[in-house]
């Protein structure tokens, strides 16, 4: 059963709207090199909010999108916290009893920065 998490509900709404705005204002965001880091942060945080809500399946898609951005060379160079999406994806996969969580934990460990408490 889903737990009542009003803060997470608000966050899901705001992050979802933010993703729509990144598409609308894509050109301007690309001009100042903030498109990919903005998209990554919104996808990652949307997945995190879904994790908090214990809506693991709903959290997996945006987290996989964030991880997918890391595979794009033009995006990866702009993202300062690449392990975060992997760490959250591992937790979402564990919530679904998915054995592939181990791979995400490995990426979390390899990319993590001990100076970043989120990683």
C-alpha atoms as a PDB file:
ATOM      1  CA  UNK A   1       0.000   0.000   0.000  1.00  0.00           C
ATOM      2  CA  UNK A   2       1.245   3.460  -0.892  1.00  0.00           C
ATOM      3  CA  UNK A   3       2.160   5.661   2.040  1.00  0.00           C
ATOM      4  CA  UNK A   4       0.833   9.213   2.207  1.00  0.00           C
ATOM      5  CA  UNK A   5       3.768  11.480   1.317  1.00  0.00           C
ATOM      6  CA  UNK A   6       2.428  14.960   0.429  1.00  0.00           C
ATOM      7  CA  UNK A   7       5.933  16.404  -0.063  1.00  0.00           C
ATOM      8  CA  UNK A   8       6.764  13.664  -2.558  1.00  0.00           C
ATOM      9  CA  UNK A   9       3.449  14.230  -4.338  1.00  0.00           C
ATOM     10  CA  UNK A  10       4.297  17.918  -4.758  1.00  0.00           C
ATOM     11  CA  UNK A  11       7.803  17.056  -5.883  1.00  0.00           C
ATOM     12  CA  UNK A  12       6.514  14.651  -8.542  1.00  0.00           C
ATOM     13  CA  UNK A  13       4.244  17.384  -9.897  1.00  0.00           C
ATOM     14  CA  UNK A  14       7.019  19.982  -9.995  1.00  0.00           C
ATOM     15  CA  UNK A  15       9.669  17.695 -11.490  1.00  0.00           C
ATOM     16  CA  UNK A  16       7.239  16.499 -14.159  1.00  0.00           C
ATOM     17  CA  UNK A  17       6.416  20.085 -15.095  1.00  0.00           C
ATOM     18  CA  UNK A  18      10.084  20.945 -15.103  1.00  0.00           C
ATOM     19  CA  UNK A  19      10.751  18.174 -17.626  1.00  0.00           C
ATOM     20  CA  UNK A  20       8.057  19.611 -19.898  1.00  0.00           C
ATOM     21  CA  UNK A  21       9.685  23.034 -19.653  1.00  0.00           C
ATOM     22  CA  UNK A  22      13.110  21.632 -20.561  1.00  0.00           C
ATOM     23  CA  UNK A  23      11.610  20.451 -23.839  1.00  0.00           C
ATOM     24  CA  UNK A  24       9.971  23.820 -24.521  1.00  0.00           C
ATOM     25  CA  UNK A  25      13.091  25.831 -23.649  1.00  0.00           C
ATOM     26  CA  UNK A  26      15.607  23.309 -24.923  1.00  0.00           C
ATOM     27  CA  UNK A  27      17.412  25.719 -27.263  1.00  0.00           C
ATOM     28  CA  UNK A  28      18.023  28.334 -24.575  1.00  0.00           C
ATOM     29  CA  UNK A  29      19.159  25.720 -22.071  1.00  0.00           C
ATOM     30  CA  UNK A  30      21.574  24.260 -24.604  1.00  0.00           C
ATOM     31  CA  UNK A  31      23.020  27.697 -25.314  1.00  0.00           C
ATOM     32  CA  UNK A  32      24.136  28.106 -21.711  1.00  0.00           C
ATOM     33  CA  UNK A  33      25.134  24.420 -21.328  1.00  0.00           C
ATOM     34  CA  UNK A  34      22.479  23.685 -18.723  1.00  0.00           C
ATOM     35  CA  UNK A  35      20.109  21.457 -20.726  1.00  0.00           C
ATOM     36  CA  UNK A  36      21.616  18.081 -19.870  1.00  0.00           C
ATOM     37  CA  UNK A  37      22.378  18.796 -16.223  1.00  0.00           C
ATOM     38  CA  UNK A  38      18.856  20.199 -15.782  1.00  0.00           C
ATOM     39  CA  UNK A  39      17.248  17.188 -17.437  1.00  0.00           C
ATOM     40  CA  UNK A  40      19.442  14.792 -15.459  1.00  0.00           C
ATOM     41  CA  UNK A  41      18.557  16.477 -12.167  1.00  0.00           C
ATOM     42  CA  UNK A  42      14.836  16.467 -12.932  1.00  0.00           C
ATOM     43  CA  UNK A  43      14.799  12.803 -14.011  1.00  0.00           C
ATOM     44  CA  UNK A  44      16.911  11.794 -10.996  1.00  0.00           C
ATOM     45  CA  UNK A  45      14.795  13.728  -8.525  1.00  0.00           C
ATOM     46  CA  UNK A  46      11.524  12.499 -10.054  1.00  0.00           C
ATOM     47  CA  UNK A  47      12.772   8.944  -9.599  1.00  0.00           C
ATOM     48  CA  UNK A  48      13.819   9.767  -6.046  1.00  0.00           C
ATOM     49  CA  UNK A  49      10.372  11.140  -5.228  1.00  0.00           C
ATOM     50  CA  UNK A  50       8.793   7.959  -6.596  1.00  0.00           C
ATOM     51  CA  UNK A  51      11.190   5.928  -4.445  1.00  0.00           C
ATOM     52  CA  UNK A  52      10.048   7.864  -1.380  1.00  0.00           C
ATOM     53  CA  UNK A  53       6.450   7.099  -2.353  1.00  0.00           C
ATOM     54  CA  UNK A  54       7.433   3.433  -2.723  1.00  0.00           C
ATOM     55  CA  UNK A  55       6.204   3.558  -6.332  1.00  0.00           C
ATOM     56  CA  UNK A  56       9.179   1.642  -7.601  1.00  0.00           C
ATOM     57  CA  UNK A  57       7.960   0.938 -11.123  1.00  0.00           C
ATOM     58  CA  UNK A  58       7.124   4.615 -11.611  1.00  0.00           C
ATOM     59  CA  UNK A  59      10.574   5.569 -10.338  1.00  0.00           C
ATOM     60  CA  UNK A  60      12.469   3.219 -12.610  1.00  0.00           C
ATOM     61  CA  UNK A  61      11.677   4.981 -15.903  1.00  0.00           C
ATOM     62  CA  UNK A  62      12.960   8.472 -14.996  1.00  0.00           C
ATOM     63  CA  UNK A  63      16.029   6.997 -13.299  1.00  0.00           C
ATOM     64  CA  UNK A  64      16.832   4.960 -16.399  1.00  0.00           C
ATOM     65  CA  UNK A  65      16.416   8.167 -18.429  1.00  0.00           C
ATOM     66  CA  UNK A  66      18.917   9.910 -16.131  1.00  0.00           C
ATOM     67  CA  UNK A  67      21.364   7.014 -16.484  1.00  0.00           C
ATOM     68  CA  UNK A  68      20.823   7.137 -20.253  1.00  0.00           C
ATOM     69  CA  UNK A  69      21.901  10.778 -20.329  1.00  0.00           C
ATOM     70  CA  UNK A  70      25.192   9.757 -18.746  1.00  0.00           C
ATOM     71  CA  UNK A  71      25.925   7.661 -21.845  1.00  0.00           C
ATOM     72  CA  UNK A  72      25.839  10.743 -24.064  1.00  0.00           C
ATOM     73  CA  UNK A  73      29.344  12.279 -24.200  1.00  0.00           C
ATOM     74  CA  UNK A  74      28.019  15.816 -24.575  1.00  0.00           C
ATOM     75  CA  UNK A  75      25.879  15.305 -21.464  1.00  0.00           C
ATOM     76  CA  UNK A  76      28.215  13.265 -19.264  1.00  0.00           C
ATOM     77  CA  UNK A  77      30.799  16.050 -19.172  1.00  0.00           C
ATOM     78  CA  UNK A  78      28.225  18.452 -17.696  1.00  0.00           C
ATOM     79  CA  UNK A  79      26.827  16.216 -14.934  1.00  0.00           C
ATOM     80  CA  UNK A  80      28.726  16.595 -11.641  1.00  0.00           C
ATOM     81  CA  UNK A  81      27.035  13.742  -9.726  1.00  0.00           C
ATOM     82  CA  UNK A  82      26.782  10.747 -12.082  1.00  0.00           C
ATOM     83  CA  UNK A  83      26.559   8.131  -9.338  1.00  0.00           C
ATOM     84  CA  UNK A  84      23.368   9.522  -7.813  1.00  0.00           C
ATOM     85  CA  UNK A  85      21.010   8.154 -10.467  1.00  0.00           C
ATOM     86  CA  UNK A  86      22.685   4.733 -10.262  1.00  0.00           C
ATOM     87  CA  UNK A  87      22.377   4.691  -6.458  1.00  0.00           C
ATOM     88  CA  UNK A  88      18.680   5.579  -6.609  1.00  0.00           C
ATOM     89  CA  UNK A  89      18.027   3.117  -9.443  1.00  0.00           C
ATOM     90  CA  UNK A  90      19.611   0.372  -7.340  1.00  0.00           C
ATOM     91  CA  UNK A  91      17.184   1.135  -4.508  1.00  0.00           C
ATOM     92  CA  UNK A  92      14.193   1.178  -6.873  1.00  0.00           C
ATOM     93  CA  UNK A  93      15.241  -2.158  -8.373  1.00  0.00           C
ATOM     94  CA  UNK A  94      15.690  -3.646  -4.909  1.00  0.00           C
ATOM     95  CA  UNK A  95      12.167  -2.473  -4.080  1.00  0.00           C
ATOM     96  CA  UNK A  96      11.005  -4.577  -7.031  1.00  0.00           C
ATOM     97  CA  UNK A  97      13.165  -7.568  -5.992  1.00  0.00           C
ATOM     98  CA  UNK A  98      15.052  -7.179  -9.264  1.00  0.00           C
ATOM     99  CA  UNK A  99      18.442  -8.896  -9.210  1.00  0.00           C
ATOM    100  CA  UNK A 100      19.880  -6.350 -11.648  1.00  0.00           C
ATOM    101  CA  UNK A 101      20.075  -3.961  -8.690  1.00  0.00           C
ATOM    102  CA  UNK A 102      23.569  -5.369  -8.129  1.00  0.00           C
ATOM    103  CA  UNK A 103      24.771  -3.824 -11.407  1.00  0.00           C
ATOM    104  CA  UNK A 104      23.377  -0.434 -10.394  1.00  0.00           C
ATOM    105  CA  UNK A 105      25.018  -0.682  -6.974  1.00  0.00           C
ATOM    106  CA  UNK A 106      28.317  -1.440  -8.719  1.00  0.00           C
ATOM    107  CA  UNK A 107      27.973   1.696 -10.872  1.00  0.00           C
ATOM    108  CA  UNK A 108      26.994   3.674  -7.783  1.00  0.00           C
ATOM    109  CA  UNK A 109      30.173   2.519  -6.066  1.00  0.00           C
ATOM    110  CA  UNK A 110      32.464   3.062  -9.058  1.00  0.00           C
ATOM    111  CA  UNK A 111      31.177   6.541  -9.931  1.00  0.00           C
ATOM    112  CA  UNK A 112      30.503   7.719  -6.394  1.00  0.00           C
ATOM    113  CA  UNK A 113      32.295  10.548  -4.695  1.00  0.00           C
ATOM    114  CA  UNK A 114      32.690  10.175  -0.942  1.00  0.00           C
ATOM    115  CA  UNK A 115      32.553  13.969  -0.603  1.00  0.00           C
ATOM    116  CA  UNK A 116      28.976  13.921  -1.921  1.00  0.00           C
ATOM    117  CA  UNK A 117      26.649  12.629   0.825  1.00  0.00           C
ATOM    118  CA  UNK A 118      23.994  11.681  -1.758  1.00  0.00           C
ATOM    119  CA  UNK A 119      26.403   9.198  -3.254  1.00  0.00           C
END
